[in-house]
Protein backbone atom coordinates (compact mmCIF):
# COMPACT_ATOMS: atom_id res chain seq x y z
CA UNK A 1 -49.23 -25.36 -138.41
CA UNK A 2 -49.96 -25.27 -134.69
CA UNK A 3 -46.31 -25.71 -133.71
CA UNK A 4 -45.44 -22.70 -135.89
CA UNK A 5 -48.17 -20.69 -134.19
CA UNK A 6 -46.95 -21.77 -130.75
CA UNK A 7 -43.37 -20.83 -131.62
CA UNK A 8 -44.45 -17.31 -132.55
CA UNK A 9 -46.17 -16.93 -129.17
CA UNK A 10 -43.51 -18.70 -127.06
CA UNK A 11 -40.19 -18.57 -128.94
CA UNK A 12 -38.14 -20.08 -126.08
CA UNK A 13 -40.50 -22.91 -125.07
CA UNK A 14 -38.29 -26.01 -125.35
CA UNK A 15 -41.15 -28.46 -125.93
CA UNK A 16 -42.52 -26.38 -128.80
CA UNK A 17 -39.08 -26.05 -130.40
CA UNK A 18 -38.45 -29.80 -130.04
CA UNK A 19 -41.87 -30.74 -131.45
CA UNK A 20 -41.36 -28.37 -134.38
CA UNK A 21 -37.96 -29.95 -135.12
CA UNK A 22 -39.52 -33.44 -135.03
CA UNK A 23 -42.36 -32.34 -137.35
CA UNK A 24 -39.86 -30.81 -139.79
CA UNK A 25 -37.72 -33.98 -139.70
CA UNK A 26 -40.77 -36.02 -140.74
CA UNK A 27 -41.33 -33.78 -143.76
CA UNK A 28 -39.88 -35.26 -146.99
CA UNK A 29 -39.05 -31.75 -148.22
CA UNK A 30 -35.61 -31.20 -146.72
CA UNK A 31 -35.65 -27.47 -147.38
CA UNK A 32 -37.47 -24.56 -145.82
CA UNK A 33 -38.95 -22.11 -148.31
CA UNK A 34 -39.02 -19.24 -145.83
CA UNK A 35 -35.87 -17.16 -146.06
CA UNK A 36 -33.46 -17.65 -143.18
CA UNK A 37 -33.13 -14.74 -140.76
CA UNK A 38 -30.19 -12.47 -141.38
CA UNK A 39 -28.39 -9.58 -139.74
CA UNK A 40 -29.83 -8.36 -136.48
CA UNK A 41 -32.56 -11.02 -136.45
CA UNK A 42 -29.94 -13.57 -135.38
CA UNK A 43 -29.24 -11.43 -132.30
CA UNK A 44 -32.81 -11.23 -131.10
CA UNK A 45 -34.36 -14.40 -132.51
CA UNK A 46 -35.36 -15.65 -129.06
CA UNK A 47 -36.97 -12.38 -127.94
CA UNK A 48 -40.67 -11.57 -128.18
CA UNK A 49 -41.52 -7.97 -129.22
CA UNK A 50 -42.87 -7.27 -125.71
CA UNK A 51 -39.52 -8.25 -124.22
CA UNK A 52 -37.66 -5.95 -126.61
CA UNK A 53 -39.92 -3.07 -125.49
CA UNK A 54 -39.31 -3.78 -121.80
CA UNK A 55 -35.55 -4.09 -122.28
CA UNK A 56 -35.58 -0.86 -124.29
CA UNK A 57 -37.12 1.01 -121.36
CA UNK A 58 -33.89 0.63 -119.36
CA UNK A 59 -31.74 2.86 -121.62
CA UNK A 60 -34.69 5.19 -122.15
CA UNK A 61 -35.02 5.88 -118.42
CA UNK A 62 -31.23 6.01 -118.06
CA UNK A 63 -31.16 8.79 -120.66
CA UNK A 64 -34.15 10.59 -119.11
CA UNK A 65 -32.76 10.59 -115.57
CA UNK A 66 -29.30 11.62 -116.81
CA UNK A 67 -30.87 14.42 -118.86
CA UNK A 68 -32.62 15.73 -115.76
CA UNK A 69 -29.38 15.42 -113.82
CA UNK A 70 -27.62 17.36 -116.58
CA UNK A 71 -30.15 20.21 -116.29
CA UNK A 72 -29.95 20.53 -112.50
CA UNK A 73 -26.34 19.69 -111.68
CA UNK A 74 -23.88 22.47 -110.99
CA UNK A 75 -20.66 20.47 -110.84
CA UNK A 76 -18.74 20.18 -114.09
CA UNK A 77 -17.64 16.56 -113.55
CA UNK A 78 -21.22 15.47 -112.75
CA UNK A 79 -22.49 17.26 -115.89
CA UNK A 80 -19.93 15.41 -118.05
CA UNK A 81 -20.92 12.09 -116.54
CA UNK A 82 -24.65 12.81 -117.03
CA UNK A 83 -24.00 13.88 -120.62
CA UNK A 84 -22.13 10.62 -121.35
CA UNK A 85 -24.79 8.44 -119.72
CA UNK A 86 -27.60 10.33 -121.52
CA UNK A 87 -25.88 9.95 -124.89
CA UNK A 88 -25.21 6.25 -124.31
CA UNK A 89 -28.80 5.73 -123.18
CA UNK A 90 -30.19 7.51 -126.24
CA UNK A 91 -28.04 5.51 -128.65
CA UNK A 92 -28.89 2.22 -126.92
CA UNK A 93 -32.59 3.10 -126.93
CA UNK A 94 -32.38 3.87 -130.67
CA UNK A 95 -30.82 0.42 -131.18
CA UNK A 96 -33.72 -1.20 -129.32
CA UNK A 97 -36.18 0.72 -131.51
CA UNK A 98 -34.38 -0.59 -134.59
CA UNK A 99 -34.49 -4.15 -133.22
CA UNK A 100 -38.20 -3.79 -132.46
CA UNK A 101 -38.91 -2.55 -135.97
CA UNK A 102 -37.00 -5.46 -137.50
CA UNK A 103 -38.79 -7.95 -135.24
CA UNK A 104 -42.21 -6.59 -136.16
CA UNK A 105 -41.25 -6.69 -139.85
CA UNK A 106 -40.10 -10.30 -139.48
CA UNK A 107 -43.32 -11.31 -137.71
CA UNK A 108 -45.39 -9.72 -140.49
CA UNK A 109 -43.79 -11.73 -143.30
CA UNK A 110 -46.70 -13.64 -144.82
CA UNK A 111 -46.13 -17.38 -144.81
CA UNK A 112 -48.25 -20.49 -144.89
CA UNK A 113 -47.93 -24.21 -144.23
CA UNK A 114 -48.78 -26.73 -146.94
CA UNK A 115 -51.72 -28.80 -145.66
CA UNK A 116 -52.26 -30.99 -148.74
CA UNK A 117 -50.47 -34.36 -148.80
CA UNK A 118 -48.66 -33.33 -151.98
CA UNK A 119 -49.05 -30.27 -154.19
CA UNK A 120 -47.40 -29.31 -157.49
CA UNK A 121 -45.70 -25.92 -157.85
CA UNK A 122 -46.73 -24.43 -161.18
CA UNK A 123 -45.24 -21.71 -163.38
CA UNK A 124 -48.62 -20.01 -163.88
CA UNK A 125 -51.82 -19.82 -161.79
CA UNK A 126 -53.83 -22.54 -163.57
CA UNK A 127 -53.96 -26.35 -163.28
CA UNK A 128 -52.52 -27.01 -166.76
CA UNK A 129 -49.37 -24.92 -166.26
CA UNK A 130 -45.92 -26.51 -166.22
CA UNK A 131 -44.62 -27.90 -162.92
CA UNK A 132 -41.43 -26.00 -162.14
CA UNK A 133 -40.11 -28.04 -159.23
CA UNK A 134 -40.79 -31.29 -157.44
CA UNK A 135 -44.08 -31.38 -155.48
CA UNK A 136 -44.24 -29.96 -151.98
CA UNK A 137 -45.51 -32.10 -149.11
CA UNK A 138 -47.67 -31.50 -146.07
CA UNK A 139 -45.91 -29.42 -143.42
CA UNK A 140 -43.62 -27.44 -145.75
CA UNK A 141 -43.44 -23.78 -144.76
CA UNK A 142 -43.72 -21.39 -147.72
CA UNK A 143 -43.37 -17.63 -147.95
CA UNK A 144 -46.27 -15.98 -149.76
CA UNK A 145 -45.67 -13.39 -152.45
CA UNK A 146 -49.04 -12.71 -154.09
CA UNK A 147 -52.63 -13.96 -154.28
CA UNK A 148 -54.63 -14.25 -157.50
CA UNK A 149 -58.07 -15.79 -157.26
CA UNK A 150 -57.75 -19.38 -156.01
CA UNK A 151 -53.95 -19.38 -156.42
CA UNK A 152 -51.05 -18.06 -154.36
CA UNK A 153 -47.55 -17.21 -155.53
CA UNK A 154 -44.72 -18.42 -153.29
CA UNK A 155 -40.97 -17.88 -153.11
CA UNK A 156 -38.76 -20.83 -154.03
CA UNK A 157 -35.24 -21.52 -152.64
CA UNK A 158 -33.57 -20.36 -155.87
CA UNK A 159 -35.21 -16.90 -155.54
CA UNK A 160 -37.73 -17.77 -158.26
CA UNK A 161 -41.44 -18.00 -157.61
CA UNK A 162 -44.17 -20.54 -158.29
CA UNK A 163 -47.91 -20.92 -157.90
CA UNK A 164 -49.92 -23.21 -155.59
CA UNK A 165 -53.68 -23.69 -155.29
CA UNK A 166 -54.90 -21.72 -152.26
CA UNK A 167 -56.74 -24.71 -150.80
CA UNK A 168 -53.41 -26.59 -150.50
CA UNK A 169 -52.08 -24.21 -147.82
């Protein structure tokens, strides 16, 4: 749990990444129940949201300065250059805003770590329900879908869902 927390705060810290890999290797569940990142998230996986904001300021100021230059320049060639730089800066800044939105969305995906030694995944939120997969072990990362009383619904690797007791995560 703490290595996952540390990774969210310091995504490029080598010791944290290594310790998290070791902890996952010790887990008998060889799969990760949190969906793998896709699309743009692979491009910015190592960046913290603050870093995306600071990097996005570069094209923003490029566009702003070029826009001012476009307003006050009298030479045609300089106006064309300012127009091109302003347009490129605006488009690049919009891309950074998109990346920031995706990063914030990714960071807000609700997940939990199994803390019980072993817990059964059930088809319904009660102790007598059928077990739908093999038990999960301590340290398995699960993506949360819904909460109902003392039970939580999680996503499974096959896109189905199952229920765990809330005290097990």
